[in-house]
């Protein structure tokens, strides 16, 4: 999918789950048992195709900054936070986590005997 909705591995800071929150997107830190934690991406609204703007919460500083996120391919999301009046921005690339569905069953060919 070319949407950022889903689970993402950040560069060294853990896992974030992005989903819809009203007409925007929000992202929450995931704990070790996939429990949803703090909001990281806040009210990210579409700015142009494959590009969203909103707030990014920094766990390190406890502050919320202006931020952007943009798709850089099917499995790469560029996330940037800006400080000092949006003059200084830095960010990193997040990688989509692809998981098999829990309880996925493989299809088995069952021979049918139409003569019985």
N, C-alpha and C. Protein backbone atom coordinates (compact mmCIF):
# COMPACT_ATOMS: atom_id res chain seq x y z
N UNK A 1 0.84 -1.18 0.00
CA UNK A 1 0.00 0.00 0.00
C UNK A 1 0.88 1.24 0.00
N UNK A 2 0.42 2.30 -0.65
CA UNK A 2 1.18 3.55 -0.66
C UNK A 2 0.71 4.49 0.45
N UNK A 3 0.03 3.93 1.42
CA UNK A 3 -0.43 4.68 2.59
C UNK A 3 0.50 4.39 3.76
N UNK A 4 0.71 5.36 4.64
CA UNK A 4 1.55 5.10 5.81
C UNK A 4 0.83 4.33 6.92
N UNK A 5 -0.43 3.97 6.71
CA UNK A 5 -1.15 3.23 7.74
C UNK A 5 -0.51 1.85 7.91
N UNK A 6 -0.19 1.52 9.15
CA UNK A 6 0.44 0.24 9.45
C UNK A 6 1.49 0.39 10.53
N UNK A 7 2.33 -0.62 10.67
CA UNK A 7 3.39 -0.63 11.69
C UNK A 7 4.73 -0.32 11.04
N UNK A 8 5.52 0.51 11.74
CA UNK A 8 6.80 0.97 11.21
C UNK A 8 7.90 0.79 12.25
N UNK A 9 9.07 0.39 11.78
CA UNK A 9 10.26 0.32 12.63
C UNK A 9 11.02 1.63 12.44
N UNK A 10 11.23 2.35 13.54
CA UNK A 10 11.96 3.61 13.47
C UNK A 10 13.45 3.29 13.53
N UNK A 11 14.28 4.28 13.29
CA UNK A 11 15.72 4.07 13.35
C UNK A 11 16.16 4.08 14.82
N UNK A 12 16.15 2.91 15.43
CA UNK A 12 16.66 2.75 16.78
C UNK A 12 15.74 3.18 17.90
N UNK A 13 14.54 3.62 17.62
CA UNK A 13 13.68 4.13 18.69
C UNK A 13 12.43 3.28 18.92
N UNK A 14 12.32 2.17 18.25
CA UNK A 14 11.17 1.32 18.50
C UNK A 14 10.23 1.21 17.32
N UNK A 15 8.98 0.85 17.63
CA UNK A 15 7.97 0.61 16.63
C UNK A 15 6.81 1.58 16.82
N UNK A 16 6.27 2.07 15.70
CA UNK A 16 5.15 3.00 15.74
C UNK A 16 4.03 2.44 14.86
N UNK A 17 2.80 2.48 15.38
CA UNK A 17 1.61 2.07 14.62
C UNK A 17 0.89 3.33 14.17
N UNK A 18 0.71 3.48 12.86
CA UNK A 18 0.02 4.63 12.28
C UNK A 18 -1.38 4.20 11.85
N UNK A 19 -2.36 5.01 12.22
CA UNK A 19 -3.75 4.73 11.84
C UNK A 19 -4.51 6.03 11.69
N UNK A 20 -5.75 5.92 11.27
CA UNK A 20 -6.61 7.09 11.09
C UNK A 20 -7.07 7.61 12.46
N UNK A 21 -7.12 8.93 12.56
CA UNK A 21 -7.73 9.59 13.73
C UNK A 21 -8.52 10.77 13.18
N UNK A 22 -9.79 10.53 12.93
CA UNK A 22 -10.62 11.54 12.28
C UNK A 22 -10.21 11.67 10.82
N UNK A 23 -9.98 12.91 10.37
CA UNK A 23 -9.57 13.12 8.99
C UNK A 23 -8.05 13.22 8.86
N UNK A 24 -7.34 12.81 9.89
CA UNK A 24 -5.88 12.87 9.91
C UNK A 24 -5.32 11.48 10.20
N UNK A 25 -3.99 11.41 10.32
CA UNK A 25 -3.31 10.18 10.72
C UNK A 25 -2.59 10.44 12.03
N UNK A 26 -2.54 9.42 12.88
CA UNK A 26 -1.82 9.51 14.15
C UNK A 26 -0.95 8.27 14.29
N UNK A 27 0.14 8.41 15.03
CA UNK A 27 1.02 7.28 15.26
C UNK A 27 1.32 7.12 16.73
N UNK A 28 1.29 5.88 17.20
CA UNK A 28 1.50 5.58 18.61
C UNK A 28 2.65 4.60 18.77
N UNK A 29 3.48 4.83 19.78
CA UNK A 29 4.56 3.90 20.09
C UNK A 29 3.95 2.56 20.50
N UNK A 30 4.56 1.48 20.05
CA UNK A 30 4.10 0.14 20.44
C UNK A 30 5.05 -0.44 21.46
N UNK A 31 4.48 -1.06 22.48
CA UNK A 31 5.28 -1.74 23.49
C UNK A 31 5.66 -3.14 23.05
N UNK A 32 6.32 -3.86 23.94
CA UNK A 32 6.80 -5.20 23.60
C UNK A 32 5.68 -6.19 23.33
N UNK A 33 4.51 -5.98 23.92
CA UNK A 33 3.37 -6.88 23.68
C UNK A 33 2.37 -6.24 22.72
N UNK A 34 2.86 -5.32 21.88
CA UNK A 34 2.04 -4.59 20.91
C UNK A 34 0.97 -3.72 21.55
N UNK A 35 1.14 -3.37 22.84
CA UNK A 35 0.19 -2.45 23.45
C UNK A 35 0.54 -1.03 22.98
N UNK A 36 -0.50 -0.24 22.78
CA UNK A 36 -0.33 1.12 22.28
C UNK A 36 0.09 2.02 23.43
N UNK A 37 1.14 2.80 23.17
CA UNK A 37 1.67 3.71 24.17
C UNK A 37 1.44 5.16 23.79
N UNK A 38 2.47 5.98 23.98
CA UNK A 38 2.37 7.42 23.76
C UNK A 38 2.12 7.76 22.29
N UNK A 39 1.41 8.86 22.09
CA UNK A 39 1.22 9.40 20.74
C UNK A 39 2.54 10.01 20.29
N UNK A 40 3.01 9.62 19.12
CA UNK A 40 4.25 10.14 18.56
C UNK A 40 3.94 11.08 17.39
N UNK A 41 3.07 10.64 16.49
CA UNK A 41 2.63 11.46 15.36
C UNK A 41 1.24 11.97 15.68
N UNK A 42 1.05 13.28 15.66
CA UNK A 42 -0.19 13.88 16.12
C UNK A 42 -0.85 14.68 15.00
N UNK A 43 -2.09 14.29 14.66
CA UNK A 43 -2.91 15.05 13.73
C UNK A 43 -2.18 15.35 12.42
N UNK A 44 -1.60 14.33 11.80
CA UNK A 44 -0.87 14.48 10.54
C UNK A 44 -1.90 14.54 9.40
N UNK A 45 -2.00 15.72 8.78
CA UNK A 45 -2.99 15.93 7.73
C UNK A 45 -2.32 15.96 6.37
N UNK A 46 -3.04 15.49 5.34
CA UNK A 46 -2.45 15.48 4.00
C UNK A 46 -2.14 16.90 3.53
N UNK A 47 -0.93 17.10 3.06
CA UNK A 47 -0.51 18.40 2.53
C UNK A 47 -0.50 18.36 1.01
N UNK A 48 0.06 17.30 0.47
CA UNK A 48 0.02 17.03 -0.96
C UNK A 48 0.14 15.51 -1.10
N UNK A 49 0.14 15.00 -2.30
CA UNK A 49 0.16 13.56 -2.49
C UNK A 49 1.37 12.94 -1.80
N UNK A 50 1.13 11.95 -0.99
CA UNK A 50 2.17 11.19 -0.26
C UNK A 50 2.95 12.04 0.74
N UNK A 51 2.33 13.13 1.25
CA UNK A 51 3.02 14.04 2.17
C UNK A 51 2.01 14.56 3.21
N UNK A 52 2.37 14.46 4.50
CA UNK A 52 1.50 14.88 5.59
C UNK A 52 2.27 15.80 6.52
N UNK A 53 1.56 16.73 7.18
CA UNK A 53 2.18 17.61 8.18
C UNK A 53 1.33 17.60 9.44
N UNK A 54 1.99 17.82 10.57
CA UNK A 54 1.31 17.84 11.85
C UNK A 54 2.32 17.96 12.97
N UNK A 55 2.03 17.32 14.09
CA UNK A 55 2.92 17.38 15.24
C UNK A 55 3.67 16.08 15.45
N UNK A 56 4.90 16.21 15.94
CA UNK A 56 5.71 15.04 16.31
C UNK A 56 6.17 15.23 17.74
N UNK A 57 5.81 14.27 18.58
CA UNK A 57 6.18 14.32 19.99
C UNK A 57 7.55 13.67 20.17
N UNK A 58 8.44 14.37 20.85
CA UNK A 58 9.76 13.84 21.15
C UNK A 58 9.76 13.26 22.56
N UNK A 59 9.95 11.95 22.66
CA UNK A 59 10.02 11.33 23.98
C UNK A 59 11.25 11.83 24.74
N UNK A 60 12.31 12.15 24.03
CA UNK A 60 13.55 12.60 24.67
C UNK A 60 13.38 13.95 25.35
N UNK A 61 12.74 14.92 24.67
CA UNK A 61 12.61 16.27 25.23
C UNK A 61 11.28 16.51 25.92
N UNK A 62 10.26 15.70 25.56
CA UNK A 62 8.93 15.92 26.10
C UNK A 62 8.18 17.02 25.38
N UNK A 63 8.74 17.54 24.28
CA UNK A 63 8.11 18.60 23.51
C UNK A 63 7.48 18.06 22.24
N UNK A 64 6.55 18.82 21.68
CA UNK A 64 5.94 18.49 20.41
C UNK A 64 6.42 19.51 19.39
N UNK A 65 6.86 19.02 18.24
CA UNK A 65 7.41 19.85 17.19
C UNK A 65 6.57 19.76 15.92
N UNK A 66 6.73 20.76 15.05
CA UNK A 66 6.14 20.69 13.71
C UNK A 66 6.85 19.54 13.00
N UNK A 67 6.07 18.72 12.31
CA UNK A 67 6.69 17.59 11.63
C UNK A 67 6.06 17.29 10.30
N UNK A 68 6.79 16.54 9.51
CA UNK A 68 6.30 16.08 8.22
C UNK A 68 6.59 14.59 8.08
N UNK A 69 5.80 13.93 7.26
CA UNK A 69 6.10 12.56 6.89
C UNK A 69 5.73 12.40 5.43
N UNK A 70 6.54 11.63 4.72
CA UNK A 70 6.28 11.42 3.30
C UNK A 70 6.73 10.02 2.91
N UNK A 71 5.94 9.41 2.04
CA UNK A 71 6.26 8.08 1.55
C UNK A 71 7.40 8.19 0.55
N UNK A 72 8.41 7.33 0.71
CA UNK A 72 9.57 7.30 -0.19
C UNK A 72 9.66 5.94 -0.86
N UNK A 73 8.52 5.36 -1.14
CA UNK A 73 8.44 4.01 -1.68
C UNK A 73 7.41 3.25 -0.87
N UNK A 74 7.10 2.03 -1.27
CA UNK A 74 6.06 1.27 -0.58
C UNK A 74 6.40 0.97 0.87
N UNK A 75 7.68 0.81 1.19
CA UNK A 75 8.07 0.36 2.53
C UNK A 75 8.98 1.32 3.27
N UNK A 76 9.06 2.59 2.81
CA UNK A 76 9.90 3.58 3.47
C UNK A 76 9.10 4.85 3.71
N UNK A 77 9.15 5.32 4.95
CA UNK A 77 8.47 6.54 5.35
C UNK A 77 9.52 7.49 5.92
N UNK A 78 9.64 8.68 5.34
CA UNK A 78 10.56 9.70 5.85
C UNK A 78 9.80 10.55 6.85
N UNK A 79 10.33 10.62 8.07
CA UNK A 79 9.70 11.39 9.15
C UNK A 79 10.69 12.44 9.62
N UNK A 80 10.25 13.71 9.62
CA UNK A 80 11.13 14.80 10.04
C UNK A 80 10.42 15.68 11.06
N UNK A 81 11.18 16.16 12.03
CA UNK A 81 10.69 17.12 13.03
C UNK A 81 11.49 18.40 12.87
N UNK A 82 10.82 19.54 13.06
CA UNK A 82 11.47 20.84 12.88
C UNK A 82 11.38 21.66 14.16
N UNK A 83 12.48 22.35 14.46
CA UNK A 83 12.53 23.21 15.64
C UNK A 83 12.95 24.61 15.19
N UNK A 84 13.00 25.52 16.12
CA UNK A 84 13.42 26.90 15.89
C UNK A 84 12.67 27.50 14.71
N UNK A 85 11.34 27.58 14.86
CA UNK A 85 10.51 28.20 13.84
C UNK A 85 10.57 27.48 12.50
N UNK A 86 10.70 26.18 12.54
CA UNK A 86 10.77 25.32 11.35
C UNK A 86 12.03 25.55 10.53
N UNK A 87 13.02 26.21 11.14
CA UNK A 87 14.26 26.49 10.43
C UNK A 87 15.17 25.27 10.42
N UNK A 88 15.27 24.60 11.54
CA UNK A 88 16.15 23.43 11.65
C UNK A 88 15.30 22.16 11.68
N UNK A 89 15.44 21.32 10.67
CA UNK A 89 14.68 20.07 10.60
C UNK A 89 15.64 18.89 10.52
N UNK A 90 15.26 17.81 11.17
CA UNK A 90 16.04 16.58 11.04
C UNK A 90 15.07 15.41 11.12
N UNK A 91 15.48 14.30 10.57
CA UNK A 91 14.59 13.15 10.58
C UNK A 91 15.31 11.89 10.20
N UNK A 92 14.51 10.86 9.99
CA UNK A 92 15.06 9.58 9.56
C UNK A 92 14.01 8.80 8.79
N UNK A 93 14.46 7.72 8.21
CA UNK A 93 13.58 6.86 7.43
C UNK A 93 13.09 5.71 8.30
N UNK A 94 11.80 5.45 8.24
CA UNK A 94 11.21 4.32 8.95
C UNK A 94 10.92 3.23 7.93
N UNK A 95 11.03 1.97 8.37
CA UNK A 95 10.79 0.83 7.50
C UNK A 95 9.48 0.14 7.88
N UNK A 96 8.68 -0.16 6.86
CA UNK A 96 7.41 -0.84 7.12
C UNK A 96 7.69 -2.24 7.65
N UNK A 97 6.93 -2.63 8.66
CA UNK A 97 7.02 -3.98 9.20
C UNK A 97 5.96 -4.82 8.51
N UNK A 98 6.38 -5.84 7.84
CA UNK A 98 5.41 -6.72 7.19
C UNK A 98 5.33 -8.00 8.01
N UNK A 99 4.15 -8.31 8.43
CA UNK A 99 3.92 -9.49 9.25
C UNK A 99 2.91 -10.40 8.60
N UNK A 100 3.08 -11.66 8.83
CA UNK A 100 2.05 -12.60 8.40
C UNK A 100 0.92 -12.54 9.40
N UNK A 101 -0.27 -12.70 8.91
CA UNK A 101 -1.43 -12.68 9.81
C UNK A 101 -1.33 -13.83 10.81
N UNK A 102 -1.70 -13.55 12.04
CA UNK A 102 -1.70 -14.60 13.06
C UNK A 102 -2.69 -15.68 12.69
N UNK A 103 -2.31 -16.90 12.86
CA UNK A 103 -3.22 -18.00 12.59
C UNK A 103 -3.43 -18.25 11.11
N UNK A 104 -2.51 -17.80 10.30
CA UNK A 104 -2.64 -18.00 8.86
C UNK A 104 -2.56 -19.49 8.55
N UNK A 105 -3.55 -19.98 7.84
CA UNK A 105 -3.56 -21.38 7.48
C UNK A 105 -3.16 -21.52 6.03
N UNK A 106 -2.41 -22.55 5.75
CA UNK A 106 -2.05 -22.79 4.36
C UNK A 106 -3.16 -23.57 3.71
N UNK A 107 -3.33 -23.34 2.43
CA UNK A 107 -4.39 -24.08 1.72
C UNK A 107 -3.90 -25.50 1.46
N UNK A 108 -4.79 -26.42 1.61
CA UNK A 108 -4.46 -27.82 1.37
C UNK A 108 -5.37 -28.34 0.27
N UNK A 109 -4.79 -29.05 -0.62
CA UNK A 109 -5.58 -29.64 -1.70
C UNK A 109 -6.25 -30.89 -1.16
N UNK A 110 -7.56 -30.92 -1.20
CA UNK A 110 -8.32 -32.09 -0.77
C UNK A 110 -8.84 -32.80 -2.00
N UNK A 111 -8.48 -34.06 -2.18
CA UNK A 111 -8.98 -34.76 -3.36
C UNK A 111 -10.47 -35.00 -3.26
N UNK A 112 -11.17 -34.64 -4.28
CA UNK A 112 -12.61 -34.89 -4.34
C UNK A 112 -12.87 -36.04 -5.29
N UNK A 113 -13.75 -36.91 -4.87
CA UNK A 113 -14.14 -38.03 -5.73
C UNK A 113 -15.57 -37.79 -6.14
N UNK A 114 -15.77 -37.29 -7.33
CA UNK A 114 -17.11 -36.97 -7.80
C UNK A 114 -17.90 -38.21 -8.19
N UNK A 115 -17.25 -39.39 -8.17
CA UNK A 115 -17.95 -40.61 -8.56
C UNK A 115 -18.74 -41.22 -7.41
N UNK A 116 -18.50 -40.79 -6.17
CA UNK A 116 -19.18 -41.44 -5.06
C UNK A 116 -20.56 -40.89 -4.80
